[in-house]
């Protein structure tokens, strides 16, 4: 019985020591995303757009106050948005093609991911209760679904005045617009991977992280691996040190 009690006490001591090496950090923030690399729609000119990031980071301290391993589970978004004006162009899906003055195209994709980073983190003491963290490593992500939107509108001069809709056309102060839009959910290639760089400031238990993700995975089955998205993130969180 005494041996059993000693064994249980030993296991509890080991668990307590190991627990002190872990921390959990709930985080929430925003990202700025832009399409990178070659694309069928490069002529549209991709724009930076805002997305969300939320999750929980996990950290294991290999050498407390110096070196640790970081991971976690995050919900994040990637995607692109572009708008272009085309003069003299017309979509074959519209019947009238003679008097078009200009047309516009809107393309938007929003991809929803669960992301797991694997980073090596180096910590530096700046002042009492203030530390600088620098981390880098790969990440792996799984898409829960992609929403793709495409819109086309062609405009021509008209004698109609005012602003109103009629038989699928829109009339705006001497202009007649006719077009179409499509929205669809896809799940072409759910797996994504890439590289992640992160710098963080830790003040007491409060954490602020700035990161950069380079998405390198395929977007669809016959795509090739390469730079797909640039993602800059800014998040805040609170670190819970386990076992203390």
Protein backbone atom coordinates (compact mmCIF):
# COMPACT_ATOMS: atom_id res chain seq x y z
CA UNK A 1 0.00 0.00 0.00
CA UNK A 2 2.81 2.40 0.89
CA UNK A 3 4.50 1.62 -2.42
CA UNK A 4 1.27 2.35 -4.27
CA UNK A 5 0.84 5.69 -2.46
CA UNK A 6 4.45 6.62 -3.22
CA UNK A 7 3.94 5.68 -6.89
CA UNK A 8 0.80 7.84 -7.14
CA UNK A 9 2.58 10.78 -5.48
CA UNK A 10 5.50 10.40 -7.90
CA UNK A 11 3.18 10.38 -10.93
CA UNK A 12 1.37 13.47 -9.63
CA UNK A 13 4.69 15.25 -9.16
CA UNK A 14 5.79 14.39 -12.73
CA UNK A 15 2.44 15.58 -14.10
CA UNK A 16 2.71 18.85 -12.18
CA UNK A 17 6.23 19.48 -13.46
CA UNK A 18 5.19 18.75 -17.05
CA UNK A 19 2.07 20.91 -16.72
CA UNK A 20 4.23 23.87 -15.81
CA UNK A 21 5.87 23.54 -19.22
CA UNK A 22 2.60 24.18 -21.09
CA UNK A 23 0.44 27.21 -21.82
CA UNK A 24 -2.78 27.87 -23.72
CA UNK A 25 -3.49 31.22 -25.41
CA UNK A 26 -6.96 32.04 -26.80
CA UNK A 27 -6.52 34.57 -29.64
CA UNK A 28 -8.70 36.70 -31.90
CA UNK A 29 -7.64 39.01 -34.70
CA UNK A 30 -7.89 40.09 -38.29
CA UNK A 31 -5.91 39.34 -41.43
CA UNK A 32 -5.11 41.17 -44.67
CA UNK A 33 -5.06 38.77 -47.62
CA UNK A 34 -3.94 39.19 -51.23
CA UNK A 35 -3.72 36.73 -54.10
CA UNK A 36 -0.16 35.88 -55.11
CA UNK A 37 1.49 33.96 -57.91
CA UNK A 38 0.10 33.28 -61.42
CA UNK A 39 -3.65 33.22 -62.00
CA UNK A 40 -6.15 33.11 -64.82
CA UNK A 41 -7.46 36.50 -63.65
CA UNK A 42 -4.20 38.33 -63.02
CA UNK A 43 -5.25 41.08 -65.43
CA UNK A 44 -8.00 42.06 -63.00
CA UNK A 45 -5.54 43.26 -60.38
CA UNK A 46 -6.00 41.58 -57.02
CA UNK A 47 -6.84 43.79 -54.05
CA UNK A 48 -5.98 43.40 -50.37
CA UNK A 49 -9.05 42.34 -48.39
CA UNK A 50 -9.84 41.75 -44.72
CA UNK A 51 -10.54 38.37 -43.11
CA UNK A 52 -10.90 36.92 -39.58
CA UNK A 53 -8.70 34.69 -37.44
CA UNK A 54 -9.67 33.08 -34.12
CA UNK A 55 -8.39 30.08 -32.17
CA UNK A 56 -6.30 28.72 -29.32
CA UNK A 57 -2.51 28.47 -29.31
CA UNK A 58 -0.62 25.80 -27.38
CA UNK A 59 3.00 26.22 -26.28
CA UNK A 60 5.47 23.73 -24.81
CA UNK A 61 8.50 25.26 -23.07
CA UNK A 62 11.61 23.24 -23.94
CA UNK A 63 13.82 25.76 -22.13
CA UNK A 64 11.61 28.11 -20.10
CA UNK A 65 12.21 31.81 -20.84
CA UNK A 66 14.29 30.90 -23.92
CA UNK A 67 12.95 28.29 -26.35
CA UNK A 68 9.55 26.67 -26.91
CA UNK A 69 7.45 24.83 -29.50
CA UNK A 70 4.16 26.38 -30.61
CA UNK A 71 1.08 24.86 -32.17
CA UNK A 72 -2.67 25.26 -31.82
CA UNK A 73 -5.93 25.19 -33.75
CA UNK A 74 -7.24 28.26 -35.58
CA UNK A 75 -10.17 29.16 -37.78
CA UNK A 76 -8.92 31.48 -40.50
CA UNK A 77 -9.97 32.68 -43.93
CA UNK A 78 -8.20 33.15 -47.22
CA UNK A 79 -9.52 34.38 -50.52
CA UNK A 80 -9.35 37.10 -53.11
CA UNK A 81 -11.37 39.96 -54.52
CA UNK A 82 -10.91 41.82 -57.79
CA UNK A 83 -12.81 44.41 -59.79
CA UNK A 84 -12.10 45.45 -63.37
CA UNK A 85 -13.58 47.77 -66.01
CA UNK A 86 -13.34 46.53 -69.59
CA UNK A 87 -13.96 48.89 -72.52
CA UNK A 88 -15.45 47.43 -75.70
CA UNK A 89 -15.77 43.94 -74.18
CA UNK A 90 -18.96 41.94 -73.79
CA UNK A 91 -19.83 38.57 -72.33
CA UNK A 92 -21.22 35.98 -74.82
CA UNK A 93 -23.95 35.22 -72.26
CA UNK A 94 -25.63 38.55 -73.11
CA UNK A 95 -27.60 38.88 -76.33
CA UNK A 96 -26.97 42.51 -77.36
CA UNK A 97 -23.31 43.09 -78.25
CA UNK A 98 -23.34 46.12 -80.55
CA UNK A 99 -23.69 49.27 -78.43
CA UNK A 100 -21.73 48.33 -75.33
CA UNK A 101 -19.67 51.23 -74.00
CA UNK A 102 -17.99 49.42 -71.11
CA UNK A 103 -18.42 46.45 -68.80
CA UNK A 104 -17.30 45.51 -65.31
CA UNK A 105 -16.29 42.22 -63.69
CA UNK A 106 -16.29 41.34 -59.99
CA UNK A 107 -14.58 38.16 -58.80
CA UNK A 108 -14.54 37.05 -55.16
CA UNK A 109 -13.51 33.87 -53.36
CA UNK A 110 -13.71 33.23 -49.61
CA UNK A 111 -12.08 30.04 -48.27
CA UNK A 112 -12.73 28.80 -44.71
CA UNK A 113 -9.87 26.89 -43.04
CA UNK A 114 -8.96 25.09 -39.84
CA UNK A 115 -5.22 25.68 -39.49
CA UNK A 116 -2.57 23.98 -37.34
CA UNK A 117 0.85 25.71 -37.10
CA UNK A 118 4.08 23.98 -35.99
CA UNK A 119 6.62 26.63 -34.98
CA UNK A 120 9.91 26.94 -33.15
CA UNK A 121 9.79 29.98 -30.86
CA UNK A 122 12.69 31.98 -29.40
CA UNK A 123 11.97 34.28 -26.44
CA UNK A 124 13.91 37.37 -25.34
CA UNK A 125 13.46 39.35 -22.12
CA UNK A 126 13.07 43.10 -22.77
CA UNK A 127 12.05 44.24 -19.28
CA UNK A 128 10.31 42.97 -16.19
CA UNK A 129 7.26 40.99 -17.36
CA UNK A 130 7.91 41.98 -21.00
CA UNK A 131 9.18 39.49 -23.58
CA UNK A 132 9.73 39.44 -27.34
CA UNK A 133 8.87 36.17 -29.12
CA UNK A 134 10.09 35.26 -32.63
CA UNK A 135 8.67 32.11 -34.22
CA UNK A 136 8.76 30.35 -37.59
CA UNK A 137 7.68 27.06 -39.10
CA UNK A 138 5.20 25.34 -41.41
CA UNK A 139 1.43 25.18 -41.09
CA UNK A 140 -1.16 22.71 -42.33
CA UNK A 141 -4.79 23.57 -43.00
CA UNK A 142 -8.06 21.92 -44.03
CA UNK A 143 -10.74 23.80 -45.94
CA UNK A 144 -14.32 23.53 -44.69
CA UNK A 145 -15.65 25.03 -47.91
CA UNK A 146 -15.06 27.74 -50.51
CA UNK A 147 -17.58 30.34 -51.67
CA UNK A 148 -16.98 31.68 -55.19
CA UNK A 149 -18.80 34.71 -56.60
CA UNK A 150 -18.66 36.07 -60.15
CA UNK A 151 -20.52 39.11 -61.46
CA UNK A 152 -20.65 40.71 -64.91
CA UNK A 153 -22.44 43.91 -65.96
CA UNK A 154 -22.40 45.60 -69.39
CA UNK A 155 -23.41 49.26 -69.83
CA UNK A 156 -24.62 51.22 -72.86
CA UNK A 157 -26.03 54.69 -73.45
CA UNK A 158 -29.81 55.12 -73.38
CA UNK A 159 -32.36 57.90 -73.51
CA UNK A 160 -34.04 56.63 -70.34
CA UNK A 161 -33.70 58.83 -67.26
CA UNK A 162 -34.02 58.04 -63.57
CA UNK A 163 -32.96 55.01 -61.55
CA UNK A 164 -35.05 51.83 -61.80
CA UNK A 165 -35.12 48.13 -62.77
CA UNK A 166 -37.08 46.82 -65.77
CA UNK A 167 -37.10 43.30 -67.19
CA UNK A 168 -33.71 42.44 -65.73
CA UNK A 169 -32.07 45.69 -66.86
CA UNK A 170 -31.04 48.55 -64.60
CA UNK A 171 -31.37 52.18 -65.75
CA UNK A 172 -29.18 54.81 -64.04
CA UNK A 173 -29.22 58.40 -65.33
CA UNK A 174 -28.85 57.71 -69.04
CA UNK A 175 -27.11 54.33 -68.75
CA UNK A 176 -28.58 50.86 -69.23
CA UNK A 177 -26.90 47.94 -67.51
CA UNK A 178 -27.48 44.25 -68.17
CA UNK A 179 -25.57 41.36 -66.61
CA UNK A 180 -25.54 38.28 -64.44
CA UNK A 181 -24.00 36.95 -61.23
CA UNK A 182 -23.21 33.46 -59.94
CA UNK A 183 -22.54 32.22 -56.40
CA UNK A 184 -21.47 28.67 -55.62
CA UNK A 185 -19.92 26.61 -52.83
CA UNK A 186 -17.06 24.30 -53.81
CA UNK A 187 -14.59 22.00 -52.09
CA UNK A 188 -12.08 21.39 -54.87
CA UNK A 189 -8.86 20.78 -52.94
CA UNK A 190 -9.39 20.99 -49.16
CA UNK A 191 -5.76 20.52 -48.07
CA UNK A 192 -3.44 23.53 -47.80
CA UNK A 193 0.03 24.08 -46.39
CA UNK A 194 2.59 26.85 -46.20
CA UNK A 195 5.15 28.74 -44.16
CA UNK A 196 4.47 31.03 -41.20
CA UNK A 197 6.55 33.80 -39.57
CA UNK A 198 5.45 35.41 -36.31
CA UNK A 199 6.64 38.14 -33.94
CA UNK A 200 4.90 38.64 -30.62
CA UNK A 201 5.05 40.95 -27.64
CA UNK A 202 4.17 39.42 -24.27
CA UNK A 203 3.33 41.79 -21.41
CA UNK A 204 2.51 39.77 -18.32
CA UNK A 205 -0.12 37.34 -19.56
CA UNK A 206 -1.33 39.59 -22.41
CA UNK A 207 -0.06 38.70 -25.89
CA UNK A 208 -0.05 40.55 -29.20
CA UNK A 209 1.15 38.71 -32.32
CA UNK A 210 1.96 39.91 -35.84
CA UNK A 211 2.30 37.17 -38.45
CA UNK A 212 2.84 36.44 -42.13
CA UNK A 213 1.56 33.30 -43.91
CA UNK A 214 2.71 32.18 -47.36
CA UNK A 215 0.11 29.76 -48.74
CA UNK A 216 1.78 27.18 -51.00
CA UNK A 217 -0.86 24.46 -51.48
CA UNK A 218 -3.02 23.62 -54.49
CA UNK A 219 -6.39 25.32 -54.88
CA UNK A 220 -7.88 22.67 -57.15
CA UNK A 221 -7.08 19.14 -58.34
CA UNK A 222 -4.92 19.96 -61.38
CA UNK A 223 -3.27 23.02 -59.87
CA UNK A 224 0.47 23.12 -59.12
CA UNK A 225 2.02 23.89 -55.74
CA UNK A 226 3.26 27.46 -55.43
CA UNK A 227 2.62 30.81 -53.79
CA UNK A 228 -1.16 31.35 -53.68
CA UNK A 229 -1.81 33.92 -50.95
CA UNK A 230 0.03 36.51 -48.88
CA UNK A 231 -1.59 36.82 -45.44
CA UNK A 232 -0.64 39.34 -42.76
CA UNK A 233 -2.31 38.92 -39.37
CA UNK A 234 -2.66 40.91 -36.16
CA UNK A 235 -4.13 39.17 -33.11
CA UNK A 236 -4.39 39.63 -29.36
CA UNK A 237 -4.73 36.97 -26.68
CA UNK A 238 -4.30 36.00 -23.05
CA UNK A 239 -1.82 33.32 -21.99
CA UNK A 240 -2.83 30.76 -19.37
CA UNK A 241 0.23 29.01 -17.93
CA UNK A 242 -0.86 25.56 -16.86
CA UNK A 243 0.19 24.18 -13.50
CA UNK A 244 0.69 27.58 -11.89
